[in-house]
Amino acid sequence: VAIGDDIAATMNAAAVLVLIGERPGLSSPDSLGLYFTQNPGPGLS
């Protein structure tokens, strides 16, 4: 997820949305997650 912060900083983006494959469960091996950060930058929690 946090690689989006590096990418956003490199692109000077005002916000970033990361679409990422989530940790599979035993009934959901194909779950996609969306992680949104406004004013992103390296080192954010």
Full PDB file with SEQRES, HELIX, SHEET, SSBOND, CRYST1, ORIGX, SCALE, CONECT and MASTER records, all heavy atoms in Angstrom:
SEQRES   1 A   45  VAL ALA ILE GLY ASP ASP ILE ALA ALA THR MET ASN ALA          
SEQRES   2 A   45  ALA ALA VAL LEU VAL LEU ILE GLY GLU ARG PRO GLY LEU          
SEQRES   3 A   45  SER SER PRO ASP SER LEU GLY LEU TYR PHE THR GLN ASN          
SEQRES   4 A   45  PRO GLY PRO GLY LEU SER                                      
HELIX    1 AA1 ILE A    3  MET A   11  1                                   9    
SHEET    1 AA1 2 ALA A  15  GLY A  21  0                                        
SHEET    2 AA1 2 LEU A  32  GLN A  38 -1                                        
CRYST1    1.000    1.000    1.000  90.00  90.00  90.00 P 1           1          
ORIGX1      1.000000  0.000000  0.000000        0.00000                         
ORIGX2      0.000000  1.000000  0.000000        0.00000                         
ORIGX3      0.000000  0.000000  1.000000        0.00000                         
SCALE1      1.000000  0.000000  0.000000        0.00000                         
SCALE2      0.000000  1.000000  0.000000        0.00000                         
SCALE3      0.000000  0.000000  1.000000        0.00000                         
ATOM      1  N   VAL A   1       0.820  -1.213   0.000  1.00  0.00           N  
ATOM      2  CA  VAL A   1       0.000   0.000   0.000  1.00  0.00           C  
ATOM      3  C   VAL A   1       0.855   1.265   0.000  1.00  0.00           C  
ATOM      4  O   VAL A   1       0.614   2.206  -0.759  1.00  0.00           O  
ATOM      5  CB  VAL A   1      -0.962  -0.001   1.206  1.00  0.00           C  
ATOM      6  CG1 VAL A   1      -1.674   1.340   1.329  1.00  0.00           C  
ATOM      7  CG2 VAL A   1      -1.987  -1.134   1.079  1.00  0.00           C  
ATOM      8  N   ALA A   2       1.866   1.309   0.849  1.00  0.00           N  
ATOM      9  CA  ALA A   2       2.636   2.539   1.039  1.00  0.00           C  
ATOM     10  C   ALA A   2       3.463   2.926  -0.172  1.00  0.00           C  
ATOM     11  O   ALA A   2       3.966   4.062  -0.232  1.00  0.00           O  
ATOM     12  CB  ALA A   2       3.535   2.422   2.261  1.00  0.00           C  
ATOM     13  N   ILE A   3       3.604   2.041  -1.159  1.00  0.00           N  
ATOM     14  CA  ILE A   3       4.347   2.435  -2.353  1.00  0.00           C  
ATOM     15  C   ILE A   3       3.619   3.575  -3.069  1.00  0.00           C  
ATOM     16  O   ILE A   3       4.225   4.360  -3.797  1.00  0.00           O  
ATOM     17  CB  ILE A   3       4.563   1.235  -3.301  1.00  0.00           C  
ATOM     18  CG1 ILE A   3       5.717   1.534  -4.267  1.00  0.00           C  
ATOM     19  CG2 ILE A   3       3.286   0.886  -4.070  1.00  0.00           C  
ATOM     20  CD1 ILE A   3       6.150   0.321  -5.075  1.00  0.00           C  
ATOM     21  N   GLY A   4       2.319   3.694  -2.818  1.00  0.00           N  
ATOM     22  CA  GLY A   4       1.570   4.798  -3.389  1.00  0.00           C  
ATOM     23  C   GLY A   4       2.084   6.150  -2.931  1.00  0.00           C  
ATOM     24  O   GLY A   4       2.009   7.140  -3.678  1.00  0.00           O  
ATOM     25  N   ASP A   5       2.618   6.228  -1.707  1.00  0.00           N  
ATOM     26  CA  ASP A   5       3.156   7.493  -1.208  1.00  0.00           C  
ATOM     27  C   ASP A   5       4.382   7.923  -2.017  1.00  0.00           C  
ATOM     28  O   ASP A   5       4.542   9.091  -2.362  1.00  0.00           O  
ATOM     29  CB  ASP A   5       3.518   7.371   0.270  1.00  0.00           C  
ATOM     30  CG  ASP A   5       2.314   7.102   1.151  1.00  0.00           C  
ATOM     31  OD1 ASP A   5       1.201   7.500   0.767  1.00  0.00           O  
ATOM     32  OD2 ASP A   5       2.487   6.484   2.218  1.00  0.00           O  
ATOM     33  N   ASP A   6       5.275   6.980  -2.292  1.00  0.00           N  
ATOM     34  CA  ASP A   6       6.461   7.270  -3.106  1.00  0.00           C  
ATOM     35  C   ASP A   6       6.054   7.703  -4.512  1.00  0.00           C  
ATOM     36  O   ASP A   6       6.604   8.653  -5.071  1.00  0.00           O  
ATOM     37  CB  ASP A   6       7.357   6.025  -3.198  1.00  0.00           C  
ATOM     38  CG  ASP A   6       8.406   5.985  -2.093  1.00  0.00           C  
ATOM     39  OD1 ASP A   6       8.302   6.781  -1.144  1.00  0.00           O  
ATOM     40  OD2 ASP A   6       9.320   5.145  -2.187  1.00  0.00           O  
ATOM     41  N   ILE A   7       5.106   6.975  -5.078  1.00  0.00           N  
ATOM     42  CA  ILE A   7       4.657   7.280  -6.443  1.00  0.00           C  
ATOM     43  C   ILE A   7       4.022   8.663  -6.497  1.00  0.00           C  
ATOM     44  O   ILE A   7       4.302   9.467  -7.400  1.00  0.00           O  
ATOM     45  CB  ILE A   7       3.688   6.194  -6.941  1.00  0.00           C  
ATOM     46  CG1 ILE A   7       4.445   4.877  -7.149  1.00  0.00           C  
ATOM     47  CG2 ILE A   7       2.984   6.629  -8.222  1.00  0.00           C  
ATOM     48  CD1 ILE A   7       3.562   3.686  -7.450  1.00  0.00           C  
ATOM     49  N   ALA A   8       3.165   8.970  -5.520  1.00  0.00           N  
ATOM     50  CA  ALA A   8       2.504  10.271  -5.490  1.00  0.00           C  
ATOM     51  C   ALA A   8       3.519  11.402  -5.340  1.00  0.00           C  
ATOM     52  O   ALA A   8       3.396  12.456  -5.982  1.00  0.00           O  
ATOM     53  CB  ALA A   8       1.492  10.311  -4.347  1.00  0.00           C  
ATOM     54  N   ALA A   9       4.536  11.184  -4.489  1.00  0.00           N  
ATOM     55  CA  ALA A   9       5.558  12.214  -4.306  1.00  0.00           C  
ATOM     56  C   ALA A   9       6.341  12.443  -5.590  1.00  0.00           C  
ATOM     57  O   ALA A   9       6.653  13.586  -5.958  1.00  0.00           O  
ATOM     58  CB  ALA A   9       6.496  11.817  -3.167  1.00  0.00           C  
ATOM     59  N   THR A  10       6.656  11.365  -6.299  1.00  0.00           N  
ATOM     60  CA  THR A  10       7.398  11.478  -7.547  1.00  0.00           C  
ATOM     61  C   THR A  10       6.589  12.223  -8.609  1.00  0.00           C  
ATOM     62  O   THR A  10       7.139  12.972  -9.414  1.00  0.00           O  
ATOM     63  CB  THR A  10       7.769  10.074  -8.066  1.00  0.00           C  
ATOM     64  OG1 THR A  10       8.535   9.389  -7.067  1.00  0.00           O  
ATOM     65  CG2 THR A  10       8.589  10.148  -9.346  1.00  0.00           C  
ATOM     66  N   MET A  11       5.267  12.042  -8.593  1.00  0.00           N  
ATOM     67  CA  MET A  11       4.395  12.660  -9.593  1.00  0.00           C  
ATOM     68  C   MET A  11       3.842  14.011  -9.144  1.00  0.00           C  
ATOM     69  O   MET A  11       3.106  14.656  -9.885  1.00  0.00           O  
ATOM     70  CB  MET A  11       3.230  11.718  -9.913  1.00  0.00           C  
ATOM     71  CG  MET A  11       3.642  10.355 -10.424  1.00  0.00           C  
ATOM     72  SD  MET A  11       2.226   9.336 -10.892  1.00  0.00           S  
ATOM     73  CE  MET A  11       1.812  10.065 -12.474  1.00  0.00           C  
ATOM     74  N   ASN A  12       4.151  14.420  -7.900  1.00  0.00           N  
ATOM     75  CA  ASN A  12       3.577  15.655  -7.334  1.00  0.00           C  
ATOM     76  C   ASN A  12       2.048  15.593  -7.300  1.00  0.00           C  
ATOM     77  O   ASN A  12       1.364  16.591  -7.564  1.00  0.00           O  
ATOM     78  CB  ASN A  12       4.041  16.883  -8.125  1.00  0.00           C  
ATOM     79  CG  ASN A  12       5.537  17.068  -8.088  1.00  0.00           C  
ATOM     80  OD1 ASN A  12       6.142  17.035  -7.020  1.00  0.00           O  
ATOM     81  ND2 ASN A  12       6.149  17.229  -9.256  1.00  0.00           N  
ATOM     82  N   ALA A  13       1.512  14.427  -6.974  1.00  0.00           N  
ATOM     83  CA  ALA A  13       0.063  14.233  -6.944  1.00  0.00           C  
ATOM     84  C   ALA A  13      -0.522  14.777  -5.649  1.00  0.00           C  
ATOM     85  O   ALA A  13       0.076  14.656  -4.570  1.00  0.00           O  
ATOM     86  CB  ALA A  13      -0.269  12.747  -7.074  1.00  0.00           C  
ATOM     87  N   ALA A  14      -1.705  15.366  -5.749  1.00  0.00           N  
ATOM     88  CA  ALA A  14      -2.376  15.905  -4.563  1.00  0.00           C  
ATOM     89  C   ALA A  14      -2.983  14.806  -3.700  1.00  0.00           C  
ATOM     90  O   ALA A  14      -3.193  14.987  -2.499  1.00  0.00           O  
ATOM     91  CB  ALA A  14      -3.471  16.886  -4.985  1.00  0.00           C  
ATOM     92  N   ALA A  15      -3.288  13.647  -4.304  1.00  0.00           N  
ATOM     93  CA  ALA A  15      -3.879  12.516  -3.579  1.00  0.00           C  
ATOM     94  C   ALA A  15      -3.520  11.250  -4.337  1.00  0.00           C  
ATOM     95  O   ALA A  15      -3.130  11.292  -5.517  1.00  0.00           O  
ATOM     96  CB  ALA A  15      -5.390  12.679  -3.458  1.00  0.00           C  
ATOM     97  N   VAL A  16      -3.652  10.125  -3.667  1.00  0.00           N  
ATOM     98  CA  VAL A  16      -3.352   8.844  -4.317  1.00  0.00           C  
ATOM     99  C   VAL A  16      -4.378   7.801  -3.897  1.00  0.00           C  
ATOM    100  O   VAL A  16      -4.837   7.782  -2.749  1.00  0.00           O  
ATOM    101  CB  VAL A  16      -1.913   8.372  -3.980  1.00  0.00           C  
ATOM    102  CG1 VAL A  16      -1.746   8.105  -2.480  1.00  0.00           C  
ATOM    103  CG2 VAL A  16      -1.546   7.122  -4.783  1.00  0.00           C  
ATOM    104  N   LEU A  17      -4.748   6.956  -4.856  1.00  0.00           N  
ATOM    105  CA  LEU A  17      -5.615   5.808  -4.589  1.00  0.00           C  
ATOM    106  C   LEU A  17      -4.882   4.560  -5.046  1.00  0.00           C  
ATOM    107  O   LEU A  17      -4.493   4.456  -6.213  1.00  0.00           O  
ATOM    108  CB  LEU A  17      -6.942   5.939  -5.337  1.00  0.00           C  
ATOM    109  CG  LEU A  17      -7.927   4.783  -5.124  1.00  0.00           C  
ATOM    110  CD1 LEU A  17      -8.410   4.742  -3.676  1.00  0.00           C  
ATOM    111  CD2 LEU A  17      -9.114   4.886  -6.073  1.00  0.00           C  
ATOM    112  N   VAL A  18      -4.687   3.633  -4.120  1.00  0.00           N  
ATOM    113  CA  VAL A  18      -3.984   2.384  -4.425  1.00  0.00           C  
ATOM    114  C   VAL A  18      -5.003   1.256  -4.505  1.00  0.00           C  
ATOM    115  O   VAL A  18      -5.709   0.975  -3.530  1.00  0.00           O  
ATOM    116  CB  VAL A  18      -2.920   2.062  -3.354  1.00  0.00           C  
ATOM    117  CG1 VAL A  18      -2.217   0.747  -3.684  1.00  0.00           C  
ATOM    118  CG2 VAL A  18      -1.907   3.196  -3.249  1.00  0.00           C  
ATOM    119  N   LEU A  19      -5.089   0.620  -5.670  1.00  0.00           N  
ATOM    120  CA  LEU A  19      -5.883  -0.589  -5.852  1.00  0.00           C  
ATOM    121  C   LEU A  19      -4.932  -1.761  -5.646  1.00  0.00           C  
ATOM    122  O   LEU A  19      -3.932  -1.879  -6.356  1.00  0.00           O  
ATOM    123  CB  LEU A  19      -6.486  -0.652  -7.258  1.00  0.00           C  
ATOM    124  CG  LEU A  19      -7.700   0.194  -7.597  1.00  0.00           C  
ATOM    125  CD1 LEU A  19      -7.474   1.673  -7.332  1.00  0.00           C  
ATOM    126  CD2 LEU A  19      -8.108  -0.017  -9.046  1.00  0.00           C  
ATOM    127  N   ILE A  20      -5.228  -2.638  -4.697  1.00  0.00           N  
ATOM    128  CA  ILE A  20      -4.254  -3.670  -4.329  1.00  0.00           C  
ATOM    129  C   ILE A  20      -4.944  -4.978  -3.990  1.00  0.00           C  
ATOM    130  O   ILE A  20      -6.055  -4.995  -3.446  1.00  0.00           O  
ATOM    131  CB  ILE A  20      -3.386  -3.175  -3.143  1.00  0.00           C  
ATOM    132  CG1 ILE A  20      -2.205  -4.113  -2.888  1.00  0.00           C  
ATOM    133  CG2 ILE A  20      -4.225  -2.970  -1.895  1.00  0.00           C  
ATOM    134  CD1 ILE A  20      -1.147  -3.530  -1.955  1.00  0.00           C  
ATOM    135  N   GLY A  21      -4.291  -6.076  -4.329  1.00  0.00           N  
ATOM    136  CA  GLY A  21      -4.791  -7.393  -3.959  1.00  0.00           C  
ATOM    137  C   GLY A  21      -4.637  -7.615  -2.463  1.00  0.00           C  
ATOM    138  O   GLY A  21      -3.532  -7.531  -1.931  1.00  0.00           O  
ATOM    139  N   GLU A  22      -5.760  -7.885  -1.792  1.00  0.00           N  
ATOM    140  CA  GLU A  22      -5.735  -8.049  -0.345  1.00  0.00           C  
ATOM    141  C   GLU A  22      -5.305  -9.460   0.049  1.00  0.00           C  
ATOM    142  O   GLU A  22      -5.385 -10.403  -0.750  1.00  0.00           O  
ATOM    143  CB  GLU A  22      -7.125  -7.757   0.229  1.00  0.00           C  
ATOM    144  CG  GLU A  22      -7.556  -6.324   0.034  1.00  0.00           C  
ATOM    145  CD  GLU A  22      -8.911  -6.033   0.647  1.00  0.00           C  
ATOM    146  OE1 GLU A  22      -9.881  -6.737   0.319  1.00  0.00           O  
ATOM    147  OE2 GLU A  22      -8.988  -5.096   1.452  1.00  0.00           O  
ATOM    148  N   ARG A  23      -4.896  -9.586   1.289  1.00  0.00           N  
ATOM    149  CA  ARG A  23      -4.506 -10.892   1.810  1.00  0.00           C  
ATOM    150  C   ARG A  23      -5.671 -11.874   1.634  1.00  0.00           C  
ATOM    151  O   ARG A  23      -6.777 -11.609   2.094  1.00  0.00           O  
ATOM    152  CB  ARG A  23      -4.129 -10.787   3.285  1.00  0.00           C  
ATOM    153  CG  ARG A  23      -3.699 -12.116   3.905  1.00  0.00           C  
ATOM    154  CD  ARG A  23      -3.362 -11.958   5.372  1.00  0.00           C  
ATOM    155  NE  ARG A  23      -2.145 -11.192   5.569  1.00  0.00           N  
ATOM    156  CZ  ARG A  23      -2.106  -9.953   6.040  1.00  0.00           C  
ATOM    157  NH1 ARG A  23      -3.229  -9.315   6.353  1.00  0.00           N  
ATOM    158  NH2 ARG A  23      -0.957  -9.326   6.197  1.00  0.00           N  
ATOM    159  N   PRO A  24      -5.446 -13.014   0.960  1.00  0.00           N  
ATOM    160  CA  PRO A  24      -6.571 -13.917   0.685  1.00  0.00           C  
ATOM    161  C   PRO A  24      -7.103 -14.570   1.956  1.00  0.00           C  
ATOM    162  O   PRO A  24      -6.344 -14.944   2.855  1.00  0.00           O  
ATOM    163  CB  PRO A  24      -5.975 -14.971  -0.243  1.00  0.00           C  
ATOM    164  CG  PRO A  24      -4.627 -14.494  -0.609  1.00  0.00           C  
ATOM    165  CD  PRO A  24      -4.198 -13.490   0.389  1.00  0.00           C  
ATOM    166  N   GLY A  25      -8.408 -14.718   2.011  1.00  0.00           N  
ATOM    167  CA  GLY A  25      -9.039 -15.525   3.043  1.00  0.00           C  
ATOM    168  C   GLY A  25      -9.432 -16.872   2.444  1.00  0.00           C  
ATOM    169  O   GLY A  25      -9.312 -17.094   1.235  1.00  0.00           O  
ATOM    170  N   LEU A  26      -9.931 -17.758   3.279  1.00  0.00           N  
ATOM    171  CA  LEU A  26     -10.287 -19.088   2.792  1.00  0.00           C  
ATOM    172  C   LEU A  26     -11.613 -19.104   2.043  1.00  0.00           C  
ATOM    173  O   LEU A  26     -12.040 -20.144   1.556  1.00  0.00           O  
ATOM    174  CB  LEU A  26     -10.323 -20.077   3.960  1.00  0.00           C  
ATOM    175  CG  LEU A  26      -8.945 -20.394   4.552  1.00  0.00           C  
ATOM    176  CD1 LEU A  26      -9.069 -21.283   5.769  1.00  0.00           C  
ATOM    177  CD2 LEU A  26      -8.054 -21.051   3.501  1.00  0.00           C  
ATOM    178  N   SER A  27     -12.276 -17.947   1.955  1.00  0.00           N  
ATOM    179  CA  SER A  27     -13.462 -17.849   1.104  1.00  0.00           C  
ATOM    180  C   SER A  27     -13.345 -16.671   0.140  1.00  0.00           C  
ATOM    181  O   SER A  27     -14.281 -16.395  -0.598  1.00  0.00           O  
ATOM    182  CB  SER A  27     -14.726 -17.705   1.960  1.00  0.00           C  
ATOM    183  OG  SER A  27     -14.663 -16.534   2.752  1.00  0.00           O  
ATOM    184  N   SER A  28     -12.201 -15.978   0.154  1.00  0.00           N  
ATOM    185  CA  SER A  28     -12.062 -14.789  -0.696  1.00  0.00           C  
ATOM    186  C   SER A  28     -10.628 -14.634  -1.196  1.00  0.00           C  
ATOM    187  O   SER A  28      -9.902 -13.755  -0.738  1.00  0.00           O  
ATOM    188  CB  SER A  28     -12.486 -13.539   0.074  1.00  0.00           C  
ATOM    189  OG  SER A  28     -11.733 -13.413   1.274  1.00  0.00           O  
ATOM    190  N   PRO A  29     -10.203 -15.464  -2.147  1.00  0.00           N  
ATOM    191  CA  PRO A  29      -8.846 -15.332  -2.676  1.00  0.00           C  
ATOM    192  C   PRO A  29      -8.699 -14.201  -3.690  1.00  0.00           C  
ATOM    193  O   PRO A  29      -7.589 -13.949  -4.174  1.00  0.00           O  
ATOM    194  CB  PRO A  29      -8.614 -16.689  -3.352  1.00  0.00           C  
ATOM    195  CG  PRO A  29      -9.976 -17.111  -3.787  1.00  0.00           C  
ATOM    196  CD  PRO A  29     -10.914 -16.618  -2.720  1.00  0.00           C  
ATOM    197  N   ASP A  30      -9.802 -13.520  -4.017  1.00  0.00           N  
ATOM    198  CA  ASP A  30      -9.776 -12.529  -5.100  1.00  0.00           C  
ATOM    199  C   ASP A  30     -10.297 -11.167  -4.647  1.00  0.00           C  
ATOM    200  O   ASP A  30     -10.948 -10.450  -5.409  1.00  0.00           O  
ATOM    201  CB  ASP A  30     -10.612 -13.023  -6.286  1.00  0.00           C  
ATOM    202  CG  ASP A  30     -12.086 -13.214  -5.924  1.00  0.00           C  
ATOM    203  OD1 ASP A  30     -12.378 -13.422  -4.723  1.00  0.00           O  
ATOM    204  OD2 ASP A  30     -12.936 -13.149  -6.830  1.00  0.00           O  
ATOM    205  N   SER A  31      -9.992 -10.778  -3.425  1.00  0.00           N  
ATOM    206  CA  SER A  31     -10.517  -9.529  -2.870  1.00  0.00           C  
ATOM    207  C   SER A  31      -9.580  -8.358  -3.191  1.00  0.00           C  
ATOM    208  O   SER A  31      -8.394  -8.395  -2.874  1.00  0.00           O  
ATOM    209  CB  SER A  31     -10.695  -9.660  -1.357  1.00  0.00           C  
ATOM    210  OG  SER A  31     -11.184  -8.460  -0.812  1.00  0.00           O  
ATOM    211  N   LEU A  32     -10.150  -7.317  -3.797  1.00  0.00           N  
ATOM    212  CA  LEU A  32      -9.399  -6.115  -4.140  1.00  0.00           C  
ATOM    213  C   LEU A  32      -9.694  -5.033  -3.111  1.00  0.00           C  
ATOM    214  O   LEU A  32     -10.847  -4.818  -2.728  1.00  0.00           O  
ATOM    215  CB  LEU A  32      -9.812  -5.630  -5.528  1.00  0.00           C  
ATOM    216  CG  LEU A  32      -9.030  -4.464  -6.136  1.00  0.00           C  
ATOM    217  CD1 LEU A  32      -7.635  -4.925  -6.563  1.00  0.00           C  
ATOM    218  CD2 LEU A  32      -9.780  -3.890  -7.342  1.00  0.00           C  
ATOM    219  N   GLY A  33      -8.657  -4.339  -2.651  1.00  0.00           N  
ATOM    220  CA  GLY A  33      -8.821  -3.247  -1.695  1.00  0.00           C  
ATOM    221  C   GLY A  33      -8.456  -1.914  -2.323  1.00  0.00           C  
ATOM    222  O   GLY A  33      -7.615  -1.846  -3.229  1.00  0.00           O  
ATOM    223  N   LEU A  34      -9.093  -0.843  -1.851  1.00  0.00           N  
ATOM    224  CA  LEU A  34      -8.793   0.520  -2.295  1.00  0.00           C  
ATOM    225  C   LEU A  34      -8.312   1.312  -1.090  1.00  0.00           C  
ATOM    226  O   LEU A  34      -9.019   1.388  -0.072  1.00  0.00           O  
ATOM    227  CB  LEU A  34     -10.037   1.202  -2.876  1.00  0.00           C  
ATOM    228  CG  LEU A  34     -10.463   0.886  -4.311  1.00  0.00           C  
ATOM    229  CD1 LEU A  34     -10.803  -0.584  -4.497  1.00  0.00           C  
ATOM    230  CD2 LEU A  34     -11.669   1.741  -4.694  1.00  0.00           C  
ATOM    231  N   TYR A  35      -7.131   1.911  -1.184  1.00  0.00           N  
ATOM    232  CA  TYR A  35      -6.561   2.699  -0.091  1.00  0.00           C  
ATOM    233  C   TYR A  35      -6.325   4.129  -0.577  1.00  0.00           C  
ATOM    234  O   TYR A  35      -5.575   4.353  -1.528  1.00  0.00           O  
ATOM    235  CB  TYR A  35      -5.252   2.070   0.384  1.00  0.00           C  
ATOM    236  CG  TYR A  35      -5.461   0.777   1.133  1.00  0.00           C  
ATOM    237  CD1 TYR A  35      -5.652  -0.414   0.449  1.00  0.00           C  
ATOM    238  CD2 TYR A  35      -5.480   0.742   2.523  1.00  0.00           C  
ATOM    239  CE1 TYR A  35      -5.861  -1.607   1.126  1.00  0.00           C  
ATOM    240  CE2 TYR A  35      -5.689  -0.441   3.216  1.00  0.00           C  
ATOM    241  CZ  TYR A  35      -5.882  -1.611   2.510  1.00  0.00           C  
ATOM    242  OH  TYR A  35      -6.093  -2.791   3.181  1.00  0.00           O  
ATOM    243  N   PHE A  36      -6.943   5.080   0.097  1.00  0.00           N  
ATOM    244  CA  PHE A  36      -6.928   6.482  -0.322  1.00  0.00           C  
ATOM    245  C   PHE A  36      -6.143   7.325   0.669  1.00  0.00           C  
ATOM    246  O   PHE A  36      -6.328   7.219   1.883  1.00  0.00           O  
ATOM    247  CB  PHE A  36      -8.368   6.990  -0.405  1.00  0.00           C  
ATOM    248  CG  PHE A  36      -8.498   8.486  -0.565  1.00  0.00           C  
ATOM    249  CD1 PHE A  36      -7.883   9.142  -1.621  1.00  0.00           C  
ATOM    250  CD2 PHE A  36      -9.238   9.222   0.341  1.00  0.00           C  
ATOM    251  CE1 PHE A  36      -8.000  10.517  -1.766  1.00  0.00           C  
ATOM    252  CE2 PHE A  36      -9.367  10.601   0.205  1.00  0.00           C  
ATOM    253  CZ  PHE A  36      -8.744  11.250  -0.857  1.00  0.00           C  
ATOM    254  N   THR A  37      -5.263   8.190   0.132  1.00  0.00           N  
ATOM    255  CA  THR A  37      -4.504   9.127   0.964  1.00  0.00           C  
ATOM    256  C   THR A  37      -4.548  10.511   0.334  1.00  0.00           C  
ATOM    257  O   THR A  37      -4.145  10.680  -0.821  1.00  0.00           O  
ATOM    258  CB  THR A  37      -3.040   8.687   1.114  1.00  0.00           C  
ATOM    259  OG1 THR A  37      -2.973   7.319   1.506  1.00  0.00           O  
ATOM    260  CG2 THR A  37      -2.330   9.545   2.166  1.00  0.00           C  
ATOM    261  N   GLN A  38      -5.028  11.474   1.092  1.00  0.00           N  
ATOM    262  CA  GLN A  38      -4.982  12.875   0.671  1.00  0.00           C  
ATOM    263  C   GLN A  38      -3.676  13.479   1.174  1.00  0.00           C  
ATOM    264  O   GLN A  38      -3.241  13.200   2.286  1.00  0.00           O  
ATOM    265  CB  GLN A  38      -6.180  13.633   1.258  1.00  0.00           C  
ATOM    266  CG  GLN A  38      -6.286  15.081   0.849  1.00  0.00           C  
ATOM    267  CD  GLN A  38      -6.666  15.265  -0.618  1.00  0.00           C  
ATOM    268  OE1 GLN A  38      -7.389  14.440  -1.178  1.00  0.00           O  
ATOM    269  NE2 GLN A  38      -6.163  16.326  -1.223  1.00  0.00           N  
ATOM    270  N   ASN A  39      -3.050  14.331   0.351  1.00  0.00           N  
ATOM    271  CA  ASN A  39      -1.749  14.933   0.688  1.00  0.00           C  
ATOM    272  C   ASN A  39      -0.725  13.852   1.052  1.00  0.00           C  
ATOM    273  O   ASN A  39      -0.155  13.853   2.148  1.00  0.00           O  
ATOM    274  CB  ASN A  39      -1.889  15.931   1.843  1.00  0.00           C  
ATOM    275  CG  ASN A  39      -2.886  17.033   1.524  1.00  0.00           C  
ATOM    276  OD1 ASN A  39      -2.963  17.513   0.403  1.00  0.00           O  
ATOM    277  ND2 ASN A  39      -3.673  17.428   2.524  1.00  0.00           N  
ATOM    278  N   PRO A  40      -0.480  12.904   0.148  1.00  0.00           N  
ATOM    279  CA  PRO A  40       0.427  11.794   0.467  1.00  0.00           C  
ATOM    280  C   PRO A  40       1.886  12.219   0.475  1.00  0.00           C  
ATOM    281  O   PRO A  40       2.266  13.253  -0.085  1.00  0.00           O  
ATOM    282  CB  PRO A  40       0.162  10.804  -0.679  1.00  0.00           C  
ATOM    283  CG  PRO A  40      -0.253  11.677  -1.819  1.00  0.00           C  
ATOM    284  CD  PRO A  40      -1.009  12.822  -1.220  1.00  0.00           C  
ATOM    285  N   GLY A  41       2.704  11.402   1.121  1.00  0.00           N  
ATOM    286  CA  GLY A  41       4.143  11.628   1.145  1.00  0.00           C  
ATOM    287  C   GLY A  41       4.814  10.486   1.881  1.00  0.00           C  
ATOM    288  O   GLY A  41       4.179   9.801   2.691  1.00  0.00           O  
ATOM    289  N   PRO A  42       6.086  10.234   1.622  1.00  0.00           N  
ATOM    290  CA  PRO A  42       6.797   9.135   2.285  1.00  0.00           C  
ATOM    291  C   PRO A  42       6.747   9.255   3.804  1.00  0.00           C  
ATOM    292  O   PRO A  42       6.818  10.352   4.364  1.00  0.00           O  
ATOM    293  CB  PRO A  42       8.231   9.287   1.771  1.00  0.00           C  
ATOM    294  CG  PRO A  42       8.092  10.001   0.460  1.00  0.00           C  
ATOM    295  CD  PRO A  42       6.939  10.942   0.642  1.00  0.00           C  
ATOM    296  N   GLY A  43       6.603   8.107   4.463  1.00  0.00           N  
ATOM    297  CA  GLY A  43       6.643   8.065   5.919  1.00  0.00           C  
ATOM    298  C   GLY A  43       5.306   8.198   6.610  1.00  0.00           C  
ATOM    299  O   GLY A  43       5.251   8.157   7.848  1.00  0.00           O  
ATOM    300  N   LEU A  44       4.212   8.319   5.854  1.00  0.00           N  
ATOM    301  CA  LEU A  44       2.903   8.433   6.491  1.00  0.00           C  
ATOM    302  C   LEU A  44       2.500   7.104   7.126  1.00  0.00           C  
ATOM    303  O   LEU A  44       2.831   6.030   6.627  1.00  0.00           O  
ATOM    304  CB  LEU A  44       1.839   8.846   5.468  1.00  0.00           C  
ATOM    305  CG  LEU A  44       1.942  10.249   4.874  1.00  0.00           C  
ATOM    306  CD1 LEU A  44       0.763  10.495   3.932  1.00  0.00           C  
ATOM    307  CD2 LEU A  44       1.980  11.305   5.962  1.00  0.00           C  
ATOM    308  N   SER A  45       1.739   7.174   8.213  1.00  0.00           N  
ATOM    309  CA  SER A  45       1.221   5.961   8.833  1.00  0.00           C  
ATOM    310  C   SER A  45      -0.129   5.611   8.217  1.00  0.00           C  
ATOM    311  O   SER A  45      -0.756   6.432   7.533  1.00  0.00           O  
ATOM    312  CB  SER A  45       1.054   6.165  10.344  1.00  0.00           C  
ATOM    313  OG  SER A  45      -0.071   6.989  10.609  1.00  0.00           O  
TER     314      SER A  45                                                      
MASTER        0    0    0    1    2    0    0    6  313    1    0    4          
END                                                                             
